[in-house]
């Protein structure tokens, strides 16, 4: 048989030759293409190991929660410390909703109102001032504060009394003031993570407070 060999694979020649019956060894050479294929497979395996090693350095959601990285201190936060976050949120809302000068929002009869209300539900609520207008749990009604955490199922509001309260979304209806209008948002339609909510196609779940 006729095989070709290059310099890079010369260290394998003796090993392969020793595997052949002695009187046939003179006819053995190394096929360069085959050796290249084996080396390529080896490189792929090495890359796979590196990818697995890289992935292992990323925290899973369970590990993230176990370390307490998704919680906030309940007694160490001050309402005044959250006001800069609220001011940033107001600027974000004006830009995201393309509000006119003075913060005026489209009226209900305005053709732009339907799209405006859909975008309003998609807002990131971190920094928004919210009030619980209705709830299945009467003790939650009329609670208000600045939203400092928005998760899939709950909102965490920091009140003026410096208390951090956890409000279940699905149990409540929230009041939100934007510009010159107050809106009612049904919490059951906010049961999705903020990053996913911002790109989700949704119906109109907002009603203006008249």
C-alpha atoms as a PDB file:
ATOM      1  CA  UNK A   1       0.000   0.000   0.000  1.00  0.00           C
ATOM      2  CA  UNK A   2       1.049   3.576  -0.679  1.00  0.00           C
ATOM      3  CA  UNK A   3       0.716   6.209   2.040  1.00  0.00           C
ATOM      4  CA  UNK A   4       2.108   9.710   2.359  1.00  0.00           C
ATOM      5  CA  UNK A   5       3.642  11.254   5.436  1.00  0.00           C
ATOM      6  CA  UNK A   6       4.703  14.802   6.376  1.00  0.00           C
ATOM      7  CA  UNK A   7       7.154  16.019   8.955  1.00  0.00           C
ATOM      8  CA  UNK A   8       4.476  16.852  11.575  1.00  0.00           C
ATOM      9  CA  UNK A   9       3.460  13.181  11.881  1.00  0.00           C
ATOM     10  CA  UNK A  10       6.922  11.613  11.777  1.00  0.00           C
ATOM     11  CA  UNK A  11       6.808  10.811  15.501  1.00  0.00           C
ATOM     12  CA  UNK A  12       3.953   8.377  14.801  1.00  0.00           C
ATOM     13  CA  UNK A  13       5.831   6.374  12.159  1.00  0.00           C
ATOM     14  CA  UNK A  14       7.638   4.040  14.520  1.00  0.00           C
ATOM     15  CA  UNK A  15       4.513   3.403  16.586  1.00  0.00           C
ATOM     16  CA  UNK A  16       2.398   2.440  13.574  1.00  0.00           C
ATOM     17  CA  UNK A  17       5.188   0.413  11.978  1.00  0.00           C
ATOM     18  CA  UNK A  18       5.611  -1.680  15.126  1.00  0.00           C
ATOM     19  CA  UNK A  19       1.963  -2.754  14.861  1.00  0.00           C
ATOM     20  CA  UNK A  20       2.575  -4.427  11.492  1.00  0.00           C
ATOM     21  CA  UNK A  21       4.002  -7.908  10.896  1.00  0.00           C
ATOM     22  CA  UNK A  22       7.788  -7.482  10.473  1.00  0.00           C
ATOM     23  CA  UNK A  23       8.069  -8.671   6.854  1.00  0.00           C
ATOM     24  CA  UNK A  24       5.334  -6.169   5.778  1.00  0.00           C
ATOM     25  CA  UNK A  25       6.764  -3.143   7.560  1.00  0.00           C
ATOM     26  CA  UNK A  26       8.719  -1.918   4.531  1.00  0.00           C
ATOM     27  CA  UNK A  27       5.381  -1.220   2.773  1.00  0.00           C
ATOM     28  CA  UNK A  28       3.921   0.908   5.572  1.00  0.00           C
ATOM     29  CA  UNK A  29       3.806   4.697   5.549  1.00  0.00           C
ATOM     30  CA  UNK A  30       1.498   7.237   7.224  1.00  0.00           C
ATOM     31  CA  UNK A  31      -1.454   8.801   5.418  1.00  0.00           C
ATOM     32  CA  UNK A  32      -1.303  12.537   6.075  1.00  0.00           C
ATOM     33  CA  UNK A  33      -5.045  13.040   5.666  1.00  0.00           C
ATOM     34  CA  UNK A  34      -5.838  10.410   8.266  1.00  0.00           C
ATOM     35  CA  UNK A  35      -3.432  11.900  10.762  1.00  0.00           C
ATOM     36  CA  UNK A  36      -4.893  15.364  10.167  1.00  0.00           C
ATOM     37  CA  UNK A  37      -8.359  13.983  10.886  1.00  0.00           C
ATOM     38  CA  UNK A  38      -7.222  12.451  14.151  1.00  0.00           C
ATOM     39  CA  UNK A  39      -5.534  15.673  15.204  1.00  0.00           C
ATOM     40  CA  UNK A  40      -8.661  17.629  14.310  1.00  0.00           C
ATOM     41  CA  UNK A  41     -10.781  15.355  16.502  1.00  0.00           C
ATOM     42  CA  UNK A  42      -8.346  15.826  19.339  1.00  0.00           C
ATOM     43  CA  UNK A  43      -8.547  19.613  18.994  1.00  0.00           C
ATOM     44  CA  UNK A  44     -12.347  19.485  18.983  1.00  0.00           C
ATOM     45  CA  UNK A  45     -12.300  17.468  22.203  1.00  0.00           C
ATOM     46  CA  UNK A  46      -9.969  20.001  23.762  1.00  0.00           C
ATOM     47  CA  UNK A  47     -12.295  22.845  22.746  1.00  0.00           C
ATOM     48  CA  UNK A  48     -15.263  20.936  24.175  1.00  0.00           C
ATOM     49  CA  UNK A  49     -13.466  20.539  27.491  1.00  0.00           C
ATOM     50  CA  UNK A  50     -12.686  24.263  27.524  1.00  0.00           C
ATOM     51  CA  UNK A  51     -16.325  25.129  26.810  1.00  0.00           C
ATOM     52  CA  UNK A  52     -17.511  22.853  29.611  1.00  0.00           C
ATOM     53  CA  UNK A  53     -14.952  24.382  31.953  1.00  0.00           C
ATOM     54  CA  UNK A  54     -16.128  27.868  30.953  1.00  0.00           C
ATOM     55  CA  UNK A  55     -19.796  27.001  31.489  1.00  0.00           C
ATOM     56  CA  UNK A  56     -19.071  25.617  34.922  1.00  0.00           C
ATOM     57  CA  UNK A  57     -17.961  29.094  36.062  1.00  0.00           C
ATOM     58  CA  UNK A  58     -21.441  30.519  35.391  1.00  0.00           C
ATOM     59  CA  UNK A  59     -23.900  30.490  38.283  1.00  0.00           C
ATOM     60  CA  UNK A  60     -27.218  28.733  37.779  1.00  0.00           C
ATOM     61  CA  UNK A  61     -30.412  30.341  39.061  1.00  0.00           C
ATOM     62  CA  UNK A  62     -30.473  27.969  42.027  1.00  0.00           C
ATOM     63  CA  UNK A  63     -26.870  28.830  42.907  1.00  0.00           C
ATOM     64  CA  UNK A  64     -27.678  32.525  42.421  1.00  0.00           C
ATOM     65  CA  UNK A  65     -30.595  32.259  44.858  1.00  0.00           C
ATOM     66  CA  UNK A  66     -28.632  30.140  47.336  1.00  0.00           C
ATOM     67  CA  UNK A  67     -25.995  32.867  47.608  1.00  0.00           C
ATOM     68  CA  UNK A  68     -28.708  35.409  48.352  1.00  0.00           C
ATOM     69  CA  UNK A  69     -27.928  37.523  45.299  1.00  0.00           C
ATOM     70  CA  UNK A  70     -31.617  37.949  44.477  1.00  0.00           C
ATOM     71  CA  UNK A  71     -32.569  39.402  47.862  1.00  0.00           C
ATOM     72  CA  UNK A  72     -32.393  42.852  49.395  1.00  0.00           C
ATOM     73  CA  UNK A  73     -31.875  43.901  53.028  1.00  0.00           C
ATOM     74  CA  UNK A  74     -35.267  44.622  54.593  1.00  0.00           C
ATOM     75  CA  UNK A  75     -34.194  47.173  57.208  1.00  0.00           C
ATOM     76  CA  UNK A  76     -31.033  48.816  55.898  1.00  0.00           C
ATOM     77  CA  UNK A  77     -32.495  50.710  52.931  1.00  0.00           C
ATOM     78  CA  UNK A  78     -33.738  54.296  53.140  1.00  0.00           C
ATOM     79  CA  UNK A  79     -36.507  55.763  50.995  1.00  0.00           C
ATOM     80  CA  UNK A  80     -34.342  58.791  50.158  1.00  0.00           C
ATOM     81  CA  UNK A  81     -31.664  56.470  48.760  1.00  0.00           C
ATOM     82  CA  UNK A  82     -34.150  55.194  46.174  1.00  0.00           C
ATOM     83  CA  UNK A  83     -35.183  58.651  44.933  1.00  0.00           C
ATOM     84  CA  UNK A  84     -32.246  58.926  42.463  1.00  0.00           C
ATOM     85  CA  UNK A  85     -33.380  55.592  40.997  1.00  0.00           C
ATOM     86  CA  UNK A  86     -36.881  57.035  40.601  1.00  0.00           C
ATOM     87  CA  UNK A  87     -35.508  60.121  38.830  1.00  0.00           C
ATOM     88  CA  UNK A  88     -33.604  57.876  36.430  1.00  0.00           C
ATOM     89  CA  UNK A  89     -36.793  55.908  35.813  1.00  0.00           C
ATOM     90  CA  UNK A  90     -38.707  59.074  34.911  1.00  0.00           C
ATOM     91  CA  UNK A  91     -36.079  59.917  32.291  1.00  0.00           C
ATOM     92  CA  UNK A  92     -36.214  56.348  30.988  1.00  0.00           C
ATOM     93  CA  UNK A  93     -40.013  56.542  30.680  1.00  0.00           C
ATOM     94  CA  UNK A  94     -39.944  59.823  28.781  1.00  0.00           C
ATOM     95  CA  UNK A  95     -37.482  58.346  26.295  1.00  0.00           C
ATOM     96  CA  UNK A  96     -39.096  54.902  26.002  1.00  0.00           C
ATOM     97  CA  UNK A  97     -42.633  56.232  25.548  1.00  0.00           C
ATOM     98  CA  UNK A  98     -41.536  59.268  23.506  1.00  0.00           C
ATOM     99  CA  UNK A  99     -43.528  61.613  25.717  1.00  0.00           C
ATOM    100  CA  UNK A 100     -44.103  65.163  24.594  1.00  0.00           C
ATOM    101  CA  UNK A 101     -42.604  68.180  26.291  1.00  0.00           C
ATOM    102  CA  UNK A 102     -44.079  68.457  29.787  1.00  0.00           C
ATOM    103  CA  UNK A 103     -44.682  64.709  30.048  1.00  0.00           C
ATOM    104  CA  UNK A 104     -48.180  64.738  28.515  1.00  0.00           C
ATOM    105  CA  UNK A 105     -49.431  61.321  27.437  1.00  0.00           C
ATOM    106  CA  UNK A 106     -51.921  60.533  24.629  1.00  0.00           C
ATOM    107  CA  UNK A 107     -55.584  60.742  25.605  1.00  0.00           C
ATOM    108  CA  UNK A 108     -57.829  57.670  25.385  1.00  0.00           C
ATOM    109  CA  UNK A 109     -59.404  58.879  22.135  1.00  0.00           C
ATOM    110  CA  UNK A 110     -55.973  59.537  20.589  1.00  0.00           C
ATOM    111  CA  UNK A 111     -55.016  56.940  17.892  1.00  0.00           C
ATOM    112  CA  UNK A 112     -51.615  56.623  19.571  1.00  0.00           C
ATOM    113  CA  UNK A 113     -53.099  55.584  22.914  1.00  0.00           C
ATOM    114  CA  UNK A 114     -53.428  51.851  22.165  1.00  0.00           C
ATOM    115  CA  UNK A 115     -49.739  51.444  21.265  1.00  0.00           C
ATOM    116  CA  UNK A 116     -48.781  53.713  24.158  1.00  0.00           C
ATOM    117  CA  UNK A 117     -50.624  51.532  26.698  1.00  0.00           C
ATOM    118  CA  UNK A 118     -48.998  48.347  25.366  1.00  0.00           C
ATOM    119  CA  UNK A 119     -45.553  49.901  25.696  1.00  0.00           C
ATOM    120  CA  UNK A 120     -46.453  51.022  29.198  1.00  0.00           C
ATOM    121  CA  UNK A 121     -46.990  47.415  30.340  1.00  0.00           C
ATOM    122  CA  UNK A 122     -43.602  46.468  28.885  1.00  0.00           C
ATOM    123  CA  UNK A 123     -41.799  49.057  31.004  1.00  0.00           C
ATOM    124  CA  UNK A 124     -39.059  48.049  33.386  1.00  0.00           C
ATOM    125  CA  UNK A 125     -40.557  49.001  36.749  1.00  0.00           C
ATOM    126  CA  UNK A 126     -37.304  49.346  38.693  1.00  0.00           C
ATOM    127  CA  UNK A 127     -37.536  52.887  40.067  1.00  0.00           C
ATOM    128  CA  UNK A 128     -41.260  53.376  39.446  1.00  0.00           C
ATOM    129  CA  UNK A 129     -43.566  54.671  42.183  1.00  0.00           C
ATOM    130  CA  UNK A 130     -46.415  52.179  42.539  1.00  0.00           C
ATOM    131  CA  UNK A 131     -49.509  51.970  44.722  1.00  0.00           C
ATOM    132  CA  UNK A 132     -51.657  48.904  45.422  1.00  0.00           C
ATOM    133  CA  UNK A 133     -55.188  50.032  44.562  1.00  0.00           C
ATOM    134  CA  UNK A 134     -56.880  46.628  44.947  1.00  0.00           C
ATOM    135  CA  UNK A 135     -55.840  43.285  46.364  1.00  0.00           C
ATOM    136  CA  UNK A 136     -57.302  39.940  47.388  1.00  0.00           C
ATOM    137  CA  UNK A 137     -55.416  40.540  50.628  1.00  0.00           C
ATOM    138  CA  UNK A 138     -56.881  43.647  52.279  1.00  0.00           C
ATOM    139  CA  UNK A 139     -53.685  44.351  54.249  1.00  0.00           C
ATOM    140  CA  UNK A 140     -51.867  45.074  50.983  1.00  0.00           C
ATOM    141  CA  UNK A 141     -54.275  47.739  49.779  1.00  0.00           C
ATOM    142  CA  UNK A 142     -52.998  51.322  49.669  1.00  0.00           C
ATOM    143  CA  UNK A 143     -49.399  50.247  50.205  1.00  0.00           C
ATOM    144  CA  UNK A 144     -47.065  52.293  48.046  1.00  0.00           C
ATOM    145  CA  UNK A 145     -43.402  52.889  47.408  1.00  0.00           C
ATOM    146  CA  UNK A 146     -40.573  52.863  44.904  1.00  0.00           C
ATOM    147  CA  UNK A 147     -40.031  49.552  43.139  1.00  0.00           C
ATOM    148  CA  UNK A 148     -36.492  48.371  43.887  1.00  0.00           C
ATOM    149  CA  UNK A 149     -36.915  44.800  42.619  1.00  0.00           C
ATOM    150  CA  UNK A 150     -39.131  43.366  39.893  1.00  0.00           C
ATOM    151  CA  UNK A 151     -39.138  39.561  39.618  1.00  0.00           C
ATOM    152  CA  UNK A 152     -41.415  37.139  37.806  1.00  0.00           C
ATOM    153  CA  UNK A 153     -43.991  36.899  40.596  1.00  0.00           C
ATOM    154  CA  UNK A 154     -43.423  39.776  43.019  1.00  0.00           C
ATOM    155  CA  UNK A 155     -42.593  43.460  43.265  1.00  0.00           C
ATOM    156  CA  UNK A 156     -40.552  44.790  46.159  1.00  0.00           C
ATOM    157  CA  UNK A 157     -41.594  48.308  47.163  1.00  0.00           C
ATOM    158  CA  UNK A 158     -39.615  50.571  49.456  1.00  0.00           C
ATOM    159  CA  UNK A 159     -42.049  52.783  51.354  1.00  0.00           C
ATOM    160  CA  UNK A 160     -41.569  56.234  52.881  1.00  0.00           C
ATOM    161  CA  UNK A 161     -41.367  54.505  56.267  1.00  0.00           C
ATOM    162  CA  UNK A 162     -38.165  52.835  54.973  1.00  0.00           C
ATOM    163  CA  UNK A 163     -39.787  49.403  55.028  1.00  0.00           C
ATOM    164  CA  UNK A 164     -39.258  47.000  52.148  1.00  0.00           C
ATOM    165  CA  UNK A 165     -42.434  45.095  51.324  1.00  0.00           C
ATOM    166  CA  UNK A 166     -42.916  42.123  48.996  1.00  0.00           C
ATOM    167  CA  UNK A 167     -46.091  42.450  46.927  1.00  0.00           C
ATOM    168  CA  UNK A 168     -47.370  39.450  44.908  1.00  0.00           C
ATOM    169  CA  UNK A 169     -48.261  40.591  41.405  1.00  0.00           C
ATOM    170  CA  UNK A 170     -51.102  38.184  40.702  1.00  0.00           C
ATOM    171  CA  UNK A 171     -52.993  39.213  43.849  1.00  0.00           C
ATOM    172  CA  UNK A 172     -52.987  42.953  43.210  1.00  0.00           C
ATOM    173  CA  UNK A 173     -53.954  45.819  40.948  1.00  0.00           C
ATOM    174  CA  UNK A 174     -51.436  48.663  40.799  1.00  0.00           C
ATOM    175  CA  UNK A 175     -51.695  52.386  40.221  1.00  0.00           C
ATOM    176  CA  UNK A 176     -48.892  54.014  38.230  1.00  0.00           C
ATOM    177  CA  UNK A 177     -48.550  57.720  37.441  1.00  0.00           C
ATOM    178  CA  UNK A 178     -46.932  58.662  34.146  1.00  0.00           C
ATOM    179  CA  UNK A 179     -46.837  62.292  33.109  1.00  0.00           C
ATOM    180  CA  UNK A 180     -50.240  63.871  33.691  1.00  0.00           C
ATOM    181  CA  UNK A 181     -52.150  60.593  34.023  1.00  0.00           C
ATOM    182  CA  UNK A 182     -52.553  57.760  36.505  1.00  0.00           C
ATOM    183  CA  UNK A 183     -52.930  54.266  35.088  1.00  0.00           C
ATOM    184  CA  UNK A 184     -54.297  51.049  36.516  1.00  0.00           C
ATOM    185  CA  UNK A 185     -52.211  47.965  35.738  1.00  0.00           C
ATOM    186  CA  UNK A 186     -53.447  44.465  36.526  1.00  0.00           C
ATOM    187  CA  UNK A 187     -50.649  42.595  38.252  1.00  0.00           C
ATOM    188  CA  UNK A 188     -51.587  39.196  36.835  1.00  0.00           C
ATOM    189  CA  UNK A 189     -50.401  40.419  33.439  1.00  0.00           C
ATOM    190  CA  UNK A 190     -46.999  41.360  34.839  1.00  0.00           C
ATOM    191  CA  UNK A 191     -46.168  37.781  35.866  1.00  0.00           C
ATOM    192  CA  UNK A 192     -43.097  37.573  33.682  1.00  0.00           C
ATOM    193  CA  UNK A 193     -39.496  38.626  34.131  1.00  0.00           C
ATOM    194  CA  UNK A 194     -38.813  42.246  33.066  1.00  0.00           C
ATOM    195  CA  UNK A 195     -36.350  41.256  30.324  1.00  0.00           C
ATOM    196  CA  UNK A 196     -38.898  38.842  28.826  1.00  0.00           C
ATOM    197  CA  UNK A 197     -41.817  41.252  29.274  1.00  0.00           C
ATOM    198  CA  UNK A 198     -40.065  43.953  27.257  1.00  0.00           C
ATOM    199  CA  UNK A 199     -40.068  41.797  24.096  1.00  0.00           C
ATOM    200  CA  UNK A 200     -43.295  39.853  24.605  1.00  0.00           C
ATOM    201  CA  UNK A 201     -46.240  40.559  22.327  1.00  0.00           C
ATOM    202  CA  UNK A 202     -49.098  41.514  24.610  1.00  0.00           C
ATOM    203  CA  UNK A 203     -52.629  42.819  24.524  1.00  0.00           C
ATOM    204  CA  UNK A 204     -53.854  45.979  26.162  1.00  0.00           C
ATOM    205  CA  UNK A 205     -53.899  45.408  29.932  1.00  0.00           C
ATOM    206  CA  UNK A 206     -53.834  49.062  31.013  1.00  0.00           C
ATOM    207  CA  UNK A 207     -56.754  51.282  31.881  1.00  0.00           C
ATOM    208  CA  UNK A 208     -56.528  55.027  32.478  1.00  0.00           C
ATOM    209  CA  UNK A 209     -57.707  56.221  35.855  1.00  0.00           C
ATOM    210  CA  UNK A 210     -60.479  58.756  35.163  1.00  0.00           C
END
